[in-house]
């Protein structure tokens, strides 16, 4: 395993400044934002693909700092009912695939997307309950008419260009938000579809990330190291479905936290151990979305927790005492 950082947290700095900070903290592996919601501050695939010299210089920066790129992040909603919005996300995702092919990366991290409830819809419609029956009709239409056909075509494009891991972050608001929906899409499209396992979104939905790791054994292609703190008092009053702004930390039912500030070290030790037990030995990519701490402090503290936990040596083939 390797400690990694979703590098767009320093999008307001130059790439050189960002990598200098990360390597100074002992991190030499990054996940780079390459479009969609993560932005293109340090990686604009369209521009890099159009200019070989710019691409060479860009790669040279990583070489100078001895930093490896583990994956490209291109989260978006290519199934958005607004055609222009969907086309923009789709173009970003395809350009990220083409850049990944060019630089020898096989993993793109993103969202499954969420359509509207009919072809003339203006906004996405995330279905979360089976009654009244209209909702199940919407869900059936979304999956069979939009989601599965789109990802069959896009997955074929990805595989044709050497990207055999599309790692979906199971995120509420999109059609793939838990293991069941991820495996449903994987069964329909093929093993190119897998998980970016981000425990923070699972925790507030009531899932146990270790149980999820075991359920998704063999289908975990990436891991986001981000924690969530559930406020037991706010949750006792209002439940976990919460539309208050993320900045209203004191009154929300849950908030994203840096690793170790939602759940303790033993929780994370068990989670990392189960990742290895289930065959995942990839990166633990720190995603900073802790509104209680600055980026610098949140990142430092996440590294302090994960540093001693990450297993950097290969899993032994035999038990030394047996």
C-alpha atoms as a PDB file:
ATOM      1  CA  UNK A   1       0.000   0.000   0.000  1.00  0.00           C
ATOM      2  CA  UNK A   2       0.982   3.610  -0.484  1.00  0.00           C
ATOM      3  CA  UNK A   3      -0.124   6.820   1.155  1.00  0.00           C
ATOM      4  CA  UNK A   4      -1.555   9.169  -1.450  1.00  0.00           C
ATOM      5  CA  UNK A   5      -3.281  12.549  -1.598  1.00  0.00           C
ATOM      6  CA  UNK A   6      -6.067  13.839  -3.825  1.00  0.00           C
ATOM      7  CA  UNK A   7      -3.918  16.739  -4.875  1.00  0.00           C
ATOM      8  CA  UNK A   8      -6.602  19.260  -5.853  1.00  0.00           C
ATOM      9  CA  UNK A   9      -6.738  20.393  -2.207  1.00  0.00           C
ATOM     10  CA  UNK A  10      -3.842  22.690  -3.212  1.00  0.00           C
ATOM     11  CA  UNK A  11      -5.444  23.858  -6.444  1.00  0.00           C
ATOM     12  CA  UNK A  12      -4.842  27.484  -5.451  1.00  0.00           C
ATOM     13  CA  UNK A  13      -1.084  26.908  -5.570  1.00  0.00           C
ATOM     14  CA  UNK A  14       1.188  25.982  -8.457  1.00  0.00           C
ATOM     15  CA  UNK A  15       1.797  22.314  -9.148  1.00  0.00           C
ATOM     16  CA  UNK A  16       5.401  22.753  -8.035  1.00  0.00           C
ATOM     17  CA  UNK A  17       4.323  24.340  -4.744  1.00  0.00           C
ATOM     18  CA  UNK A  18       1.782  21.597  -4.142  1.00  0.00           C
ATOM     19  CA  UNK A  19       4.217  18.744  -4.774  1.00  0.00           C
ATOM     20  CA  UNK A  20       6.834  20.449  -2.626  1.00  0.00           C
ATOM     21  CA  UNK A  21       4.405  20.501   0.303  1.00  0.00           C
ATOM     22  CA  UNK A  22       3.327  16.895  -0.201  1.00  0.00           C
ATOM     23  CA  UNK A  23       6.820  15.466  -0.553  1.00  0.00           C
ATOM     24  CA  UNK A  24       7.854  17.510   2.468  1.00  0.00           C
ATOM     25  CA  UNK A  25       5.227  15.539   4.372  1.00  0.00           C
ATOM     26  CA  UNK A  26       6.605  12.262   3.018  1.00  0.00           C
ATOM     27  CA  UNK A  27       3.915  11.682   0.374  1.00  0.00           C
ATOM     28  CA  UNK A  28       5.170  10.652  -3.072  1.00  0.00           C
ATOM     29  CA  UNK A  29       1.940   9.408  -4.670  1.00  0.00           C
ATOM     30  CA  UNK A  30      -0.957  11.566  -5.845  1.00  0.00           C
ATOM     31  CA  UNK A  31      -4.394  11.392  -7.371  1.00  0.00           C
ATOM     32  CA  UNK A  32      -4.778  14.312  -9.773  1.00  0.00           C
ATOM     33  CA  UNK A  33      -7.972  16.231 -10.513  1.00  0.00           C
ATOM     34  CA  UNK A  34      -8.513  16.039 -14.272  1.00  0.00           C
ATOM     35  CA  UNK A  35     -11.929  17.565 -14.823  1.00  0.00           C
ATOM     36  CA  UNK A  36     -15.451  17.572 -13.475  1.00  0.00           C
ATOM     37  CA  UNK A  37     -15.927  18.629  -9.865  1.00  0.00           C
ATOM     38  CA  UNK A  38     -12.233  18.155  -8.891  1.00  0.00           C
ATOM     39  CA  UNK A  39     -11.339  20.767 -11.517  1.00  0.00           C
ATOM     40  CA  UNK A  40      -8.326  21.103 -13.789  1.00  0.00           C
ATOM     41  CA  UNK A  41      -6.062  23.409 -11.803  1.00  0.00           C
ATOM     42  CA  UNK A  42      -3.011  21.181 -12.279  1.00  0.00           C
ATOM     43  CA  UNK A  43      -4.175  18.924 -15.092  1.00  0.00           C
ATOM     44  CA  UNK A  44      -6.193  19.960 -18.131  1.00  0.00           C
ATOM     45  CA  UNK A  45      -6.262  16.810 -20.283  1.00  0.00           C
ATOM     46  CA  UNK A  46      -7.553  18.599 -23.374  1.00  0.00           C
ATOM     47  CA  UNK A  47      -4.629  21.028 -23.365  1.00  0.00           C
ATOM     48  CA  UNK A  48      -2.026  18.412 -22.473  1.00  0.00           C
ATOM     49  CA  UNK A  49      -3.237  16.089 -25.235  1.00  0.00           C
ATOM     50  CA  UNK A  50      -3.040  18.882 -27.790  1.00  0.00           C
ATOM     51  CA  UNK A  51       0.511  19.933 -26.904  1.00  0.00           C
ATOM     52  CA  UNK A  52       3.181  17.181 -26.614  1.00  0.00           C
ATOM     53  CA  UNK A  53       5.734  19.638 -25.273  1.00  0.00           C
ATOM     54  CA  UNK A  54       3.378  20.829 -22.523  1.00  0.00           C
ATOM     55  CA  UNK A  55       2.657  17.196 -21.621  1.00  0.00           C
ATOM     56  CA  UNK A  56       6.369  16.412 -21.428  1.00  0.00           C
ATOM     57  CA  UNK A  57       7.000  19.438 -19.198  1.00  0.00           C
ATOM     58  CA  UNK A  58       4.027  18.530 -16.986  1.00  0.00           C
ATOM     59  CA  UNK A  59       5.285  14.983 -16.496  1.00  0.00           C
ATOM     60  CA  UNK A  60       8.734  16.401 -15.825  1.00  0.00           C
ATOM     61  CA  UNK A  61       7.444  18.219 -12.744  1.00  0.00           C
ATOM     62  CA  UNK A  62       6.340  14.929 -11.187  1.00  0.00           C
ATOM     63  CA  UNK A  63       9.668  13.350 -12.093  1.00  0.00           C
ATOM     64  CA  UNK A  64      11.564  16.234 -10.483  1.00  0.00           C
ATOM     65  CA  UNK A  65       9.712  15.720  -7.207  1.00  0.00           C
ATOM     66  CA  UNK A  66       9.815  11.916  -7.476  1.00  0.00           C
ATOM     67  CA  UNK A  67       6.012  11.727  -7.371  1.00  0.00           C
ATOM     68  CA  UNK A  68       3.916   8.949  -8.899  1.00  0.00           C
ATOM     69  CA  UNK A  69       0.411   9.520 -10.306  1.00  0.00           C
ATOM     70  CA  UNK A  70      -1.881   6.741  -9.062  1.00  0.00           C
ATOM     71  CA  UNK A  71      -5.140   7.813 -10.683  1.00  0.00           C
ATOM     72  CA  UNK A  72      -6.972  10.658 -12.381  1.00  0.00           C
ATOM     73  CA  UNK A  73     -10.029  12.078 -10.620  1.00  0.00           C
ATOM     74  CA  UNK A  74     -12.847  13.176 -12.904  1.00  0.00           C
ATOM     75  CA  UNK A  75     -16.013  13.164 -10.808  1.00  0.00           C
ATOM     76  CA  UNK A  76     -19.081  14.502 -12.566  1.00  0.00           C
ATOM     77  CA  UNK A  77     -22.602  13.793 -13.733  1.00  0.00           C
ATOM     78  CA  UNK A  78     -22.440  12.809 -17.407  1.00  0.00           C
ATOM     79  CA  UNK A  79     -26.097  11.737 -17.146  1.00  0.00           C
ATOM     80  CA  UNK A  80     -27.334  15.153 -16.054  1.00  0.00           C
ATOM     81  CA  UNK A  81     -30.678  15.918 -17.746  1.00  0.00           C
ATOM     82  CA  UNK A  82     -29.351  19.271 -18.954  1.00  0.00           C
ATOM     83  CA  UNK A  83     -27.658  18.256 -22.201  1.00  0.00           C
ATOM     84  CA  UNK A  84     -24.926  20.921 -22.095  1.00  0.00           C
ATOM     85  CA  UNK A  85     -24.004  20.002 -18.534  1.00  0.00           C
ATOM     86  CA  UNK A  86     -23.950  16.291 -19.375  1.00  0.00           C
ATOM     87  CA  UNK A  87     -21.846  16.869 -22.494  1.00  0.00           C
ATOM     88  CA  UNK A  88     -19.301  18.870 -20.491  1.00  0.00           C
ATOM     89  CA  UNK A  89     -18.905  16.109 -17.895  1.00  0.00           C
ATOM     90  CA  UNK A  90     -18.778  13.438 -20.598  1.00  0.00           C
ATOM     91  CA  UNK A  91     -16.102  15.326 -22.549  1.00  0.00           C
ATOM     92  CA  UNK A  92     -14.008  15.740 -19.397  1.00  0.00           C
ATOM     93  CA  UNK A  93     -14.281  12.035 -18.603  1.00  0.00           C
ATOM     94  CA  UNK A  94     -13.300  10.933 -22.094  1.00  0.00           C
ATOM     95  CA  UNK A  95     -10.371  13.352 -22.187  1.00  0.00           C
ATOM     96  CA  UNK A  96      -9.233  12.007 -18.817  1.00  0.00           C
ATOM     97  CA  UNK A  97      -9.310   8.505 -20.290  1.00  0.00           C
ATOM     98  CA  UNK A  98      -7.240   9.598 -23.274  1.00  0.00           C
ATOM     99  CA  UNK A  99      -4.686  11.289 -21.019  1.00  0.00           C
ATOM    100  CA  UNK A 100      -4.550   8.230 -18.774  1.00  0.00           C
ATOM    101  CA  UNK A 101      -3.746   6.116 -21.823  1.00  0.00           C
ATOM    102  CA  UNK A 102      -0.983   8.532 -22.806  1.00  0.00           C
ATOM    103  CA  UNK A 103       0.723   8.456 -19.407  1.00  0.00           C
ATOM    104  CA  UNK A 104       0.132   4.794 -18.554  1.00  0.00           C
ATOM    105  CA  UNK A 105      -2.559   5.145 -15.867  1.00  0.00           C
ATOM    106  CA  UNK A 106      -5.337   2.545 -15.753  1.00  0.00           C
ATOM    107  CA  UNK A 107      -7.669   4.065 -13.129  1.00  0.00           C
ATOM    108  CA  UNK A 108     -10.169   6.914 -13.423  1.00  0.00           C
ATOM    109  CA  UNK A 109     -12.111   7.884 -10.309  1.00  0.00           C
ATOM    110  CA  UNK A 110     -15.589   9.356 -10.653  1.00  0.00           C
ATOM    111  CA  UNK A 111     -19.327   9.219 -10.020  1.00  0.00           C
ATOM    112  CA  UNK A 112     -21.942   7.075 -11.733  1.00  0.00           C
ATOM    113  CA  UNK A 113     -24.115  10.109 -12.405  1.00  0.00           C
ATOM    114  CA  UNK A 114     -27.851  10.544 -11.972  1.00  0.00           C
ATOM    115  CA  UNK A 115     -30.430  11.347 -14.687  1.00  0.00           C
ATOM    116  CA  UNK A 116     -33.682  13.227 -14.268  1.00  0.00           C
ATOM    117  CA  UNK A 117     -37.033  11.483 -14.191  1.00  0.00           C
ATOM    118  CA  UNK A 118     -37.768  11.862 -17.922  1.00  0.00           C
ATOM    119  CA  UNK A 119     -36.116  13.194 -21.075  1.00  0.00           C
ATOM    120  CA  UNK A 120     -37.452  16.695 -20.529  1.00  0.00           C
ATOM    121  CA  UNK A 121     -36.287  16.999 -16.925  1.00  0.00           C
ATOM    122  CA  UNK A 122     -34.263  19.984 -15.738  1.00  0.00           C
ATOM    123  CA  UNK A 123     -32.572  18.516 -12.656  1.00  0.00           C
ATOM    124  CA  UNK A 124     -31.365  15.065 -11.529  1.00  0.00           C
ATOM    125  CA  UNK A 125     -33.796  12.980  -9.494  1.00  0.00           C
ATOM    126  CA  UNK A 126     -32.210  10.715  -6.881  1.00  0.00           C
ATOM    127  CA  UNK A 127     -34.711   8.035  -5.884  1.00  0.00           C
ATOM    128  CA  UNK A 128     -34.420   6.862  -2.259  1.00  0.00           C
ATOM    129  CA  UNK A 129     -37.720   5.093  -1.498  1.00  0.00           C
ATOM    130  CA  UNK A 130     -40.043   2.649  -3.304  1.00  0.00           C
ATOM    131  CA  UNK A 131     -43.381   4.315  -2.573  1.00  0.00           C
ATOM    132  CA  UNK A 132     -45.433   5.890  -4.038  1.00  0.00           C
ATOM    133  CA  UNK A 133     -44.923   3.600  -7.007  1.00  0.00           C
ATOM    134  CA  UNK A 134     -43.914   6.460  -9.323  1.00  0.00           C
ATOM    135  CA  UNK A 135     -40.448   6.312  -7.788  1.00  0.00           C
ATOM    136  CA  UNK A 136     -39.837   2.729  -8.869  1.00  0.00           C
ATOM    137  CA  UNK A 137     -40.928   3.622 -12.401  1.00  0.00           C
ATOM    138  CA  UNK A 138     -38.430   6.484 -12.398  1.00  0.00           C
ATOM    139  CA  UNK A 139     -35.686   4.200 -11.083  1.00  0.00           C
ATOM    140  CA  UNK A 140     -36.357   1.568 -13.741  1.00  0.00           C
ATOM    141  CA  UNK A 141     -36.234   4.217 -16.491  1.00  0.00           C
ATOM    142  CA  UNK A 142     -33.034   5.752 -15.131  1.00  0.00           C
ATOM    143  CA  UNK A 143     -31.172   2.448 -14.986  1.00  0.00           C
ATOM    144  CA  UNK A 144     -32.405   0.764 -18.149  1.00  0.00           C
ATOM    145  CA  UNK A 145     -32.730   3.747 -20.463  1.00  0.00           C
ATOM    146  CA  UNK A 146     -29.862   5.943 -19.269  1.00  0.00           C
ATOM    147  CA  UNK A 147     -27.362   4.581 -16.756  1.00  0.00           C
ATOM    148  CA  UNK A 148     -26.593   1.123 -18.134  1.00  0.00           C
ATOM    149  CA  UNK A 149     -26.483   2.136 -21.835  1.00  0.00           C
ATOM    150  CA  UNK A 150     -24.238   5.125 -21.098  1.00  0.00           C
ATOM    151  CA  UNK A 151     -21.735   3.176 -19.032  1.00  0.00           C
ATOM    152  CA  UNK A 152     -21.654   0.247 -21.430  1.00  0.00           C
ATOM    153  CA  UNK A 153     -20.569   2.624 -24.184  1.00  0.00           C
ATOM    154  CA  UNK A 154     -18.175   4.630 -21.998  1.00  0.00           C
ATOM    155  CA  UNK A 155     -16.623   1.521 -20.441  1.00  0.00           C
ATOM    156  CA  UNK A 156     -15.949   0.121 -23.911  1.00  0.00           C
ATOM    157  CA  UNK A 157     -14.249   3.420 -24.826  1.00  0.00           C
ATOM    158  CA  UNK A 158     -12.175   3.266 -21.627  1.00  0.00           C
ATOM    159  CA  UNK A 159     -11.048  -0.314 -22.195  1.00  0.00           C
ATOM    160  CA  UNK A 160     -10.161   0.439 -25.808  1.00  0.00           C
ATOM    161  CA  UNK A 161      -7.769   3.078 -24.443  1.00  0.00           C
ATOM    162  CA  UNK A 162      -6.152   0.988 -21.711  1.00  0.00           C
ATOM    163  CA  UNK A 163      -8.290   2.152 -18.777  1.00  0.00           C
ATOM    164  CA  UNK A 164      -9.668  -1.014 -17.217  1.00  0.00           C
ATOM    165  CA  UNK A 165     -10.573   0.459 -13.820  1.00  0.00           C
ATOM    166  CA  UNK A 166     -13.445   2.942 -13.605  1.00  0.00           C
ATOM    167  CA  UNK A 167     -13.649   3.477  -9.844  1.00  0.00           C
ATOM    168  CA  UNK A 168     -17.009   4.851  -8.756  1.00  0.00           C
ATOM    169  CA  UNK A 169     -17.253   6.732  -5.516  1.00  0.00           C
ATOM    170  CA  UNK A 170     -20.444   5.444  -3.891  1.00  0.00           C
ATOM    171  CA  UNK A 171     -21.981   8.848  -3.250  1.00  0.00           C
ATOM    172  CA  UNK A 172     -25.553   9.746  -2.296  1.00  0.00           C
ATOM    173  CA  UNK A 173     -27.211  11.859  -4.958  1.00  0.00           C
ATOM    174  CA  UNK A 174     -26.028   9.493  -7.697  1.00  0.00           C
ATOM    175  CA  UNK A 175     -27.387   6.145  -8.863  1.00  0.00           C
ATOM    176  CA  UNK A 176     -24.422   4.235  -7.408  1.00  0.00           C
ATOM    177  CA  UNK A 177     -24.310   5.048  -3.711  1.00  0.00           C
ATOM    178  CA  UNK A 178     -23.825   1.695  -1.920  1.00  0.00           C
ATOM    179  CA  UNK A 179     -22.413  -1.804  -2.600  1.00  0.00           C
ATOM    180  CA  UNK A 180     -25.709  -3.124  -3.948  1.00  0.00           C
ATOM    181  CA  UNK A 181     -26.010  -0.434  -6.627  1.00  0.00           C
ATOM    182  CA  UNK A 182     -22.314  -0.668  -7.504  1.00  0.00           C
ATOM    183  CA  UNK A 183     -22.523  -4.423  -8.007  1.00  0.00           C
ATOM    184  CA  UNK A 184     -25.737  -4.039  -9.993  1.00  0.00           C
ATOM    185  CA  UNK A 185     -24.030  -1.718 -12.487  1.00  0.00           C
ATOM    186  CA  UNK A 186     -20.884  -3.876 -12.532  1.00  0.00           C
ATOM    187  CA  UNK A 187     -23.010  -6.941 -13.377  1.00  0.00           C
ATOM    188  CA  UNK A 188     -24.648  -5.056 -16.243  1.00  0.00           C
ATOM    189  CA  UNK A 189     -21.505  -3.439 -17.673  1.00  0.00           C
ATOM    190  CA  UNK A 190     -18.591  -5.683 -16.699  1.00  0.00           C
ATOM    191  CA  UNK A 191     -15.546  -5.788 -14.404  1.00  0.00           C
ATOM    192  CA  UNK A 192     -14.193  -2.490 -15.728  1.00  0.00           C
ATOM    193  CA  UNK A 193     -16.640  -0.997 -13.202  1.00  0.00           C
ATOM    194  CA  UNK A 194     -15.404  -1.076  -9.614  1.00  0.00           C
ATOM    195  CA  UNK A 195     -15.378   0.990  -6.443  1.00  0.00           C
ATOM    196  CA  UNK A 196     -13.535   3.983  -5.174  1.00  0.00           C
ATOM    197  CA  UNK A 197     -14.239   3.072  -1.576  1.00  0.00           C
ATOM    198  CA  UNK A 198     -14.720   6.294   0.378  1.00  0.00           C
ATOM    199  CA  UNK A 199     -15.847   5.359   3.900  1.00  0.00           C
ATOM    200  CA  UNK A 200     -17.033   8.884   4.693  1.00  0.00           C
ATOM    201  CA  UNK A 201     -20.160   8.520   2.537  1.00  0.00           C
ATOM    202  CA  UNK A 202     -20.859   5.041   3.842  1.00  0.00           C
ATOM    203  CA  UNK A 203     -20.589   5.953   7.519  1.00  0.00           C
ATOM    204  CA  UNK A 204     -23.387   8.511   7.580  1.00  0.00           C
ATOM    205  CA  UNK A 205     -25.679   6.211   5.617  1.00  0.00           C
ATOM    206  CA  UNK A 206     -25.336   3.647   8.423  1.00  0.00           C
ATOM    207  CA  UNK A 207     -22.983   1.205   6.711  1.00  0.00           C
ATOM    208  CA  UNK A 208     -19.943  -0.428   8.278  1.00  0.00           C
ATOM    209  CA  UNK A 209     -17.004   0.205   5.915  1.00  0.00           C
ATOM    210  CA  UNK A 210     -15.389  -3.132   6.873  1.00  0.00           C
ATOM    211  CA  UNK A 211     -18.578  -4.971   5.864  1.00  0.00           C
ATOM    212  CA  UNK A 212     -18.527  -3.003   2.587  1.00  0.00           C
ATOM    213  CA  UNK A 213     -14.889  -3.916   1.949  1.00  0.00           C
ATOM    214  CA  UNK A 214     -15.737  -7.577   2.367  1.00  0.00           C
ATOM    215  CA  UNK A 215     -18.830  -7.298   0.175  1.00  0.00           C
ATOM    216  CA  UNK A 216     -16.791  -5.676  -2.590  1.00  0.00           C
ATOM    217  CA  UNK A 217     -13.800  -7.999  -2.425  1.00  0.00           C
ATOM    218  CA  UNK A 218     -12.172  -8.024  -5.872  1.00  0.00           C
ATOM    219  CA  UNK A 219     -14.037  -4.926  -7.017  1.00  0.00           C
ATOM    220  CA  UNK A 220     -12.173  -2.229  -5.062  1.00  0.00           C
ATOM    221  CA  UNK A 221     -10.025  -0.190  -7.443  1.00  0.00           C
ATOM    222  CA  UNK A 222      -9.237   2.877  -5.328  1.00  0.00           C
ATOM    223  CA  UNK A 223      -9.637   4.151  -1.764  1.00  0.00           C
ATOM    224  CA  UNK A 224     -10.352   7.640  -0.432  1.00  0.00           C
ATOM    225  CA  UNK A 225      -9.176   8.205   3.118  1.00  0.00           C
ATOM    226  CA  UNK A 226     -11.792  10.527   4.571  1.00  0.00           C
ATOM    227  CA  UNK A 227     -13.712  10.301   7.835  1.00  0.00           C
ATOM    228  CA  UNK A 228     -17.182  11.319   8.999  1.00  0.00           C
ATOM    229  CA  UNK A 229     -18.325  12.342  12.455  1.00  0.00           C
ATOM    230  CA  UNK A 230     -21.950  11.593  13.262  1.00  0.00           C
ATOM    231  CA  UNK A 231     -23.453  13.966  15.831  1.00  0.00           C
ATOM    232  CA  UNK A 232     -25.537  11.643  17.988  1.00  0.00           C
ATOM    233  CA  UNK A 233     -27.674  14.460  19.396  1.00  0.00           C
ATOM    234  CA  UNK A 234     -28.610  16.041  16.074  1.00  0.00           C
ATOM    235  CA  UNK A 235     -29.123  12.600  14.559  1.00  0.00           C
ATOM    236  CA  UNK A 236     -31.348  11.566  17.481  1.00  0.00           C
ATOM    237  CA  UNK A 237     -33.594  14.546  16.699  1.00  0.00           C
ATOM    238  CA  UNK A 238     -33.505  14.636  12.906  1.00  0.00           C
ATOM    239  CA  UNK A 239     -31.963  11.433  11.516  1.00  0.00           C
ATOM    240  CA  UNK A 240     -29.065  11.364   9.073  1.00  0.00           C
ATOM    241  CA  UNK A 241     -30.725  12.913   6.009  1.00  0.00           C
ATOM    242  CA  UNK A 242     -29.500  16.472   6.323  1.00  0.00           C
ATOM    243  CA  UNK A 243     -29.674  19.297   3.788  1.00  0.00           C
ATOM    244  CA  UNK A 244     -28.147  21.998   5.990  1.00  0.00           C
ATOM    245  CA  UNK A 245     -24.997  23.551   4.526  1.00  0.00           C
ATOM    246  CA  UNK A 246     -21.731  21.775   5.339  1.00  0.00           C
ATOM    247  CA  UNK A 247     -20.517  24.920   7.107  1.00  0.00           C
ATOM    248  CA  UNK A 248     -23.257  24.566   9.747  1.00  0.00           C
ATOM    249  CA  UNK A 249     -21.174  21.988  11.582  1.00  0.00           C
ATOM    250  CA  UNK A 250     -22.714  22.434  15.016  1.00  0.00           C
ATOM    251  CA  UNK A 251     -26.268  21.777  13.839  1.00  0.00           C
ATOM    252  CA  UNK A 252     -25.723  19.141  11.176  1.00  0.00           C
ATOM    253  CA  UNK A 253     -26.355  15.451  11.829  1.00  0.00           C
ATOM    254  CA  UNK A 254     -22.905  14.632  10.455  1.00  0.00           C
ATOM    255  CA  UNK A 255     -19.842  16.352   9.009  1.00  0.00           C
ATOM    256  CA  UNK A 256     -16.823  15.212   7.031  1.00  0.00           C
ATOM    257  CA  UNK A 257     -13.672  15.078   9.148  1.00  0.00           C
ATOM    258  CA  UNK A 258      -9.993  14.377   8.671  1.00  0.00           C
ATOM    259  CA  UNK A 259      -8.998  10.753   9.253  1.00  0.00           C
ATOM    260  CA  UNK A 260      -9.069   9.991  12.983  1.00  0.00           C
ATOM    261  CA  UNK A 261     -11.508  12.761  13.905  1.00  0.00           C
ATOM    262  CA  UNK A 262     -14.673  10.851  13.064  1.00  0.00           C
ATOM    263  CA  UNK A 263     -13.484   7.440  14.165  1.00  0.00           C
ATOM    264  CA  UNK A 264     -10.424   6.438  16.172  1.00  0.00           C
ATOM    265  CA  UNK A 265      -7.144   4.852  15.202  1.00  0.00           C
ATOM    266  CA  UNK A 266      -8.279   1.289  15.985  1.00  0.00           C
ATOM    267  CA  UNK A 267     -11.243   1.776  13.598  1.00  0.00           C
ATOM    268  CA  UNK A 268      -8.864   2.753  10.809  1.00  0.00           C
ATOM    269  CA  UNK A 269      -6.397  -0.034  11.624  1.00  0.00           C
ATOM    270  CA  UNK A 270      -9.208  -2.571  11.231  1.00  0.00           C
ATOM    271  CA  UNK A 271     -10.373  -0.987   7.984  1.00  0.00           C
ATOM    272  CA  UNK A 272      -6.898  -0.944   6.420  1.00  0.00           C
ATOM    273  CA  UNK A 273      -6.255  -4.521   7.567  1.00  0.00           C
ATOM    274  CA  UNK A 274      -9.487  -5.692   5.959  1.00  0.00           C
ATOM    275  CA  UNK A 275      -8.574  -3.958   2.715  1.00  0.00           C
ATOM    276  CA  UNK A 276      -5.428  -6.086   2.592  1.00  0.00           C
ATOM    277  CA  UNK A 277      -7.279  -9.244   3.648  1.00  0.00           C
ATOM    278  CA  UNK A 278      -9.648  -8.689   0.721  1.00  0.00           C
ATOM    279  CA  UNK A 279      -6.822  -8.251  -1.778  1.00  0.00           C
ATOM    280  CA  UNK A 280      -6.580  -4.464  -2.026  1.00  0.00           C
ATOM    281  CA  UNK A 281      -3.004  -3.226  -1.823  1.00  0.00           C
ATOM    282  CA  UNK A 282      -3.412   0.045  -3.699  1.00  0.00           C
ATOM    283  CA  UNK A 283      -3.258   3.619  -2.444  1.00  0.00           C
ATOM    284  CA  UNK A 284      -4.955   5.234   0.526  1.00  0.00           C
ATOM    285  CA  UNK A 285      -5.713   8.596  -1.056  1.00  0.00           C
ATOM    286  CA  UNK A 286      -6.354  11.324   1.510  1.00  0.00           C
ATOM    287  CA  UNK A 287      -9.239  13.593   0.519  1.00  0.00           C
ATOM    288  CA  UNK A 288      -9.425  16.731   2.650  1.00  0.00           C
ATOM    289  CA  UNK A 289     -12.983  17.986   3.184  1.00  0.00           C
ATOM    290  CA  UNK A 290     -12.777  18.825   6.881  1.00  0.00           C
ATOM    291  CA  UNK A 291     -14.378  22.252   7.428  1.00  0.00           C
ATOM    292  CA  UNK A 292     -13.207  22.402  11.050  1.00  0.00           C
ATOM    293  CA  UNK A 293      -9.506  22.495  10.114  1.00  0.00           C
ATOM    294  CA  UNK A 294      -7.384  24.257   7.540  1.00  0.00           C
ATOM    295  CA  UNK A 295      -6.149  22.220   4.582  1.00  0.00           C
ATOM    296  CA  UNK A 296      -2.610  22.169   5.991  1.00  0.00           C
ATOM    297  CA  UNK A 297      -3.623  21.024   9.463  1.00  0.00           C
ATOM    298  CA  UNK A 298      -6.208  18.510   8.262  1.00  0.00           C
ATOM    299  CA  UNK A 299      -3.732  16.954   5.855  1.00  0.00           C
ATOM    300  CA  UNK A 300      -0.978  16.799   8.472  1.00  0.00           C
ATOM    301  CA  UNK A 301      -3.226  15.137  11.016  1.00  0.00           C
ATOM    302  CA  UNK A 302      -4.566  12.610   8.497  1.00  0.00           C
ATOM    303  CA  UNK A 303      -0.979  11.662   7.598  1.00  0.00           C
ATOM    304  CA  UNK A 304      -0.110  11.366  11.308  1.00  0.00           C
ATOM    305  CA  UNK A 305      -2.921   8.825  11.765  1.00  0.00           C
ATOM    306  CA  UNK A 306      -2.472   6.890   8.512  1.00  0.00           C
ATOM    307  CA  UNK A 307       1.327   6.951   8.342  1.00  0.00           C
ATOM    308  CA  UNK A 308       1.877   4.252  10.987  1.00  0.00           C
ATOM    309  CA  UNK A 309      -1.153   2.260   9.756  1.00  0.00           C
ATOM    310  CA  UNK A 310      -0.424   1.940   6.034  1.00  0.00           C
ATOM    311  CA  UNK A 311       1.214  -1.401   5.231  1.00  0.00           C
ATOM    312  CA  UNK A 312       4.101  -0.620   2.925  1.00  0.00           C
ATOM    313  CA  UNK A 313       5.652  -4.093   2.691  1.00  0.00           C
ATOM    314  CA  UNK A 314       4.158  -6.886   0.589  1.00  0.00           C
ATOM    315  CA  UNK A 315       1.781  -9.302   2.261  1.00  0.00           C
ATOM    316  CA  UNK A 316       3.802 -12.355   3.369  1.00  0.00           C
ATOM    317  CA  UNK A 317       3.303 -15.534   1.356  1.00  0.00           C
ATOM    318  CA  UNK A 318       3.677 -17.724   4.434  1.00  0.00           C
ATOM    319  CA  UNK A 319       3.292 -17.242   8.177  1.00  0.00           C
ATOM    320  CA  UNK A 320       6.757 -16.963   9.688  1.00  0.00           C
ATOM    321  CA  UNK A 321       5.760 -18.912  12.788  1.00  0.00           C
ATOM    322  CA  UNK A 322       3.968 -21.760  11.000  1.00  0.00           C
END
